[in-house]
C-alpha cells in the first residue's frame, strides 16, 4: 500500500511474507473453484477477458425474442392465474401502505397534544 492509505504506525509487508493458504483451501474442498478463479483472473490480467455468463451484448439485445416490442402480452402475464396473483398482491400492497400512512398521520397529529393523551404519551 502507498503511504496515504496506511494508518499511522502501520508498516507495509511484502507478498512473500503473506501466509500460504493452499492447505486451508484444500481442507474446505474449494480447490477446483480456486483453480478456476485463478485461471480466469490470469486470463483477465493478460488481456483476454471473456465477460460474465449472460453478458449483455449487441447480438443478445437485438435478437427478436429479446426486443420488447416482440414480447407481447404473454410475456408479462403468461396465465390468468399469474395475472390474478399480481393483481391481488398489488391490491394488498396498496392497502397496507395506505393503512400505514393513516397510522403515521394520526400518531404525528396526536404527538402535538401530550396533555390530552395523559399516560398514553409516555
C-alpha atoms as a PDB file:
ATOM      1  CA  UNK A   1       0.000   0.000   0.000  1.00  0.00           C
ATOM      2  CA  UNK A   2       1.111   3.507  -0.574  1.00  0.00           C
ATOM      3  CA  UNK A   3       1.689   5.836   2.340  1.00  0.00           C
ATOM      4  CA  UNK A   4      -1.589   7.826   2.118  1.00  0.00           C
ATOM      5  CA  UNK A   5      -3.602   4.601   2.597  1.00  0.00           C
ATOM      6  CA  UNK A   6      -1.699   3.356   5.630  1.00  0.00           C
ATOM      7  CA  UNK A   7      -2.712   4.179   9.159  1.00  0.00           C
ATOM      8  CA  UNK A   8      -0.200   5.794  11.479  1.00  0.00           C
ATOM      9  CA  UNK A   9       2.271   3.227  12.767  1.00  0.00           C
ATOM     10  CA  UNK A  10       1.341   0.587  10.165  1.00  0.00           C
ATOM     11  CA  UNK A  11       4.052  -0.955   8.040  1.00  0.00           C
ATOM     12  CA  UNK A  12       3.985  -2.486   4.572  1.00  0.00           C
ATOM     13  CA  UNK A  13       4.529  -6.212   4.100  1.00  0.00           C
ATOM     14  CA  UNK A  14       5.817  -7.878   1.005  1.00  0.00           C
ATOM     15  CA  UNK A  15       3.843 -10.556  -0.761  1.00  0.00           C
ATOM     16  CA  UNK A  16       6.449 -13.105   0.305  1.00  0.00           C
ATOM     17  CA  UNK A  17       5.562 -12.572   3.951  1.00  0.00           C
ATOM     18  CA  UNK A  18       1.882 -13.442   3.433  1.00  0.00           C
ATOM     19  CA  UNK A  19       0.788 -16.901   4.633  1.00  0.00           C
ATOM     20  CA  UNK A  20       0.247 -19.755   2.175  1.00  0.00           C
ATOM     21  CA  UNK A  21      -3.443 -20.636   2.245  1.00  0.00           C
ATOM     22  CA  UNK A  22      -3.463 -23.555  -0.203  1.00  0.00           C
ATOM     23  CA  UNK A  23      -3.844 -26.163   2.593  1.00  0.00           C
ATOM     24  CA  UNK A  24      -6.800 -24.219   4.003  1.00  0.00           C
ATOM     25  CA  UNK A  25      -8.405 -24.103   0.542  1.00  0.00           C
ATOM     26  CA  UNK A  26      -7.906 -27.870   0.179  1.00  0.00           C
ATOM     27  CA  UNK A  27      -9.417 -28.503   3.629  1.00  0.00           C
ATOM     28  CA  UNK A  28     -12.503 -26.536   2.645  1.00  0.00           C
ATOM     29  CA  UNK A  29     -12.816 -28.515  -0.599  1.00  0.00           C
ATOM     30  CA  UNK A  30     -12.536 -25.411  -2.769  1.00  0.00           C
ATOM     31  CA  UNK A  31      -9.501 -26.408  -4.829  1.00  0.00           C
ATOM     32  CA  UNK A  32     -11.389 -26.707  -8.130  1.00  0.00           C
ATOM     33  CA  UNK A  33     -13.178 -23.405  -7.608  1.00  0.00           C
ATOM     34  CA  UNK A  34      -9.918 -21.697  -6.624  1.00  0.00           C
ATOM     35  CA  UNK A  35      -8.094 -23.025  -9.708  1.00  0.00           C
ATOM     36  CA  UNK A  36     -10.938 -21.906 -11.992  1.00  0.00           C
ATOM     37  CA  UNK A  37     -10.865 -18.445 -10.413  1.00  0.00           C
ATOM     38  CA  UNK A  38      -7.083 -18.252 -10.728  1.00  0.00           C
ATOM     39  CA  UNK A  39      -7.224 -19.218 -14.411  1.00  0.00           C
ATOM     40  CA  UNK A  40      -9.926 -16.624 -15.144  1.00  0.00           C
ATOM     41  CA  UNK A  41      -8.035 -13.970 -13.196  1.00  0.00           C
ATOM     42  CA  UNK A  42      -4.762 -14.656 -15.025  1.00  0.00           C
ATOM     43  CA  UNK A  43      -6.573 -14.561 -18.384  1.00  0.00           C
ATOM     44  CA  UNK A  44      -8.095 -11.214 -17.426  1.00  0.00           C
ATOM     45  CA  UNK A  45      -4.692  -9.868 -16.363  1.00  0.00           C
ATOM     46  CA  UNK A  46      -3.265 -10.951 -19.743  1.00  0.00           C
ATOM     47  CA  UNK A  47      -5.970  -9.007 -21.576  1.00  0.00           C
ATOM     48  CA  UNK A  48      -8.188 -11.923 -22.506  1.00  0.00           C
ATOM     49  CA  UNK A  49     -11.445 -11.117 -20.749  1.00  0.00           C
ATOM     50  CA  UNK A  50     -14.457 -13.158 -21.773  1.00  0.00           C
ATOM     51  CA  UNK A  51     -17.066 -11.478 -19.627  1.00  0.00           C
ATOM     52  CA  UNK A  52     -19.626 -12.957 -17.321  1.00  0.00           C
ATOM     53  CA  UNK A  53     -22.103 -15.597 -18.371  1.00  0.00           C
ATOM     54  CA  UNK A  54     -25.169 -13.884 -19.766  1.00  0.00           C
ATOM     55  CA  UNK A  55     -23.164 -10.810 -20.665  1.00  0.00           C
ATOM     56  CA  UNK A  56     -25.200  -8.112 -22.403  1.00  0.00           C
ATOM     57  CA  UNK A  57     -24.022  -7.878 -25.998  1.00  0.00           C
ATOM     58  CA  UNK A  58     -25.379  -6.210 -29.108  1.00  0.00           C
ATOM     59  CA  UNK A  59     -26.240  -9.626 -30.540  1.00  0.00           C
ATOM     60  CA  UNK A  60     -28.215 -10.571 -27.452  1.00  0.00           C
ATOM     61  CA  UNK A  61     -30.048  -7.251 -27.338  1.00  0.00           C
ATOM     62  CA  UNK A  62     -31.083  -7.325 -30.993  1.00  0.00           C
ATOM     63  CA  UNK A  63     -32.368 -10.907 -31.081  1.00  0.00           C
ATOM     64  CA  UNK A  64     -36.103 -10.913 -31.861  1.00  0.00           C
ATOM     65  CA  UNK A  65     -37.134 -12.671 -28.645  1.00  0.00           C
ATOM     66  CA  UNK A  66     -35.394 -10.012 -26.541  1.00  0.00           C
ATOM     67  CA  UNK A  67     -36.858  -6.942 -28.238  1.00  0.00           C
ATOM     68  CA  UNK A  68     -39.614  -5.512 -26.032  1.00  0.00           C
ATOM     69  CA  UNK A  69     -41.959  -4.905 -28.967  1.00  0.00           C
ATOM     70  CA  UNK A  70     -41.932  -8.633 -29.796  1.00  0.00           C
ATOM     71  CA  UNK A  71     -42.672  -9.861 -26.294  1.00  0.00           C
ATOM     72  CA  UNK A  72     -46.397  -9.160 -26.301  1.00  0.00           C
ATOM     73  CA  UNK A  73     -48.964  -9.577 -23.544  1.00  0.00           C
ATOM     74  CA  UNK A  74     -47.988 -13.187 -22.845  1.00  0.00           C
ATOM     75  CA  UNK A  75     -44.525 -12.138 -21.703  1.00  0.00           C
ATOM     76  CA  UNK A  76     -45.872 -10.055 -18.821  1.00  0.00           C
ATOM     77  CA  UNK A  77     -48.878 -12.248 -17.968  1.00  0.00           C
ATOM     78  CA  UNK A  78     -48.254 -15.850 -19.059  1.00  0.00           C
ATOM     79  CA  UNK A  79     -51.501 -17.120 -17.500  1.00  0.00           C
ATOM     80  CA  UNK A  80     -54.730 -15.916 -15.921  1.00  0.00           C
ATOM     81  CA  UNK A  81     -53.552 -17.196 -12.532  1.00  0.00           C
ATOM     82  CA  UNK A  82     -50.382 -15.118 -12.810  1.00  0.00           C
ATOM     83  CA  UNK A  83     -52.397 -12.026 -13.651  1.00  0.00           C
ATOM     84  CA  UNK A  84     -54.781 -12.635 -10.716  1.00  0.00           C
ATOM     85  CA  UNK A  85     -51.881 -13.164  -8.316  1.00  0.00           C
ATOM     86  CA  UNK A  86     -50.174  -9.949  -9.387  1.00  0.00           C
ATOM     87  CA  UNK A  87     -53.436  -8.010  -9.156  1.00  0.00           C
ATOM     88  CA  UNK A  88     -54.125  -9.397  -5.680  1.00  0.00           C
ATOM     89  CA  UNK A  89     -50.663  -8.698  -4.335  1.00  0.00           C
ATOM     90  CA  UNK A  90     -50.736  -5.170  -5.789  1.00  0.00           C
ATOM     91  CA  UNK A  91     -54.055  -4.532  -4.045  1.00  0.00           C
ATOM     92  CA  UNK A  92     -52.769  -5.664  -0.654  1.00  0.00           C
ATOM     93  CA  UNK A  93     -49.570  -3.677  -1.020  1.00  0.00           C
ATOM     94  CA  UNK A  94     -51.641  -0.559  -1.692  1.00  0.00           C
ATOM     95  CA  UNK A  95     -53.981  -1.273   1.249  1.00  0.00           C
ATOM     96  CA  UNK A  96     -51.171  -1.803   3.759  1.00  0.00           C
ATOM     97  CA  UNK A  97     -49.298   1.259   2.501  1.00  0.00           C
ATOM     98  CA  UNK A  98     -52.420   3.396   2.916  1.00  0.00           C
ATOM     99  CA  UNK A  99     -53.072   1.946   6.382  1.00  0.00           C
ATOM    100  CA  UNK A 100     -49.508   2.754   7.441  1.00  0.00           C
ATOM    101  CA  UNK A 101     -49.864   6.297   6.114  1.00  0.00           C
ATOM    102  CA  UNK A 102     -53.070   6.763   8.136  1.00  0.00           C
ATOM    103  CA  UNK A 103     -51.412   5.461  11.339  1.00  0.00           C
ATOM    104  CA  UNK A 104     -48.387   7.700  10.789  1.00  0.00           C
ATOM    105  CA  UNK A 105     -50.575  10.759  10.216  1.00  0.00           C
ATOM    106  CA  UNK A 106     -52.733  10.130  13.295  1.00  0.00           C
ATOM    107  CA  UNK A 107     -49.763   9.436  15.571  1.00  0.00           C
ATOM    108  CA  UNK A 108     -47.940  12.524  14.313  1.00  0.00           C
ATOM    109  CA  UNK A 109     -51.025  14.659  14.923  1.00  0.00           C
ATOM    110  CA  UNK A 110     -51.596  13.240  18.422  1.00  0.00           C
ATOM    111  CA  UNK A 111     -47.961  13.907  19.371  1.00  0.00           C
ATOM    112  CA  UNK A 112     -48.865  17.609  19.402  1.00  0.00           C
ATOM    113  CA  UNK A 113     -51.289  17.059  22.303  1.00  0.00           C
ATOM    114  CA  UNK A 114     -49.323  15.404  25.134  1.00  0.00           C
ATOM    115  CA  UNK A 115     -51.617  16.779  27.859  1.00  0.00           C
ATOM    116  CA  UNK A 116     -54.736  15.236  26.339  1.00  0.00           C
ATOM    117  CA  UNK A 117     -53.045  11.831  25.890  1.00  0.00           C
ATOM    118  CA  UNK A 118     -52.020  11.544  29.522  1.00  0.00           C
ATOM    119  CA  UNK A 119     -50.270   8.250  30.297  1.00  0.00           C
ATOM    120  CA  UNK A 120     -50.518   7.125  26.659  1.00  0.00           C
ATOM    121  CA  UNK A 121     -48.000   9.808  25.648  1.00  0.00           C
ATOM    122  CA  UNK A 122     -45.103   8.309  27.598  1.00  0.00           C
END
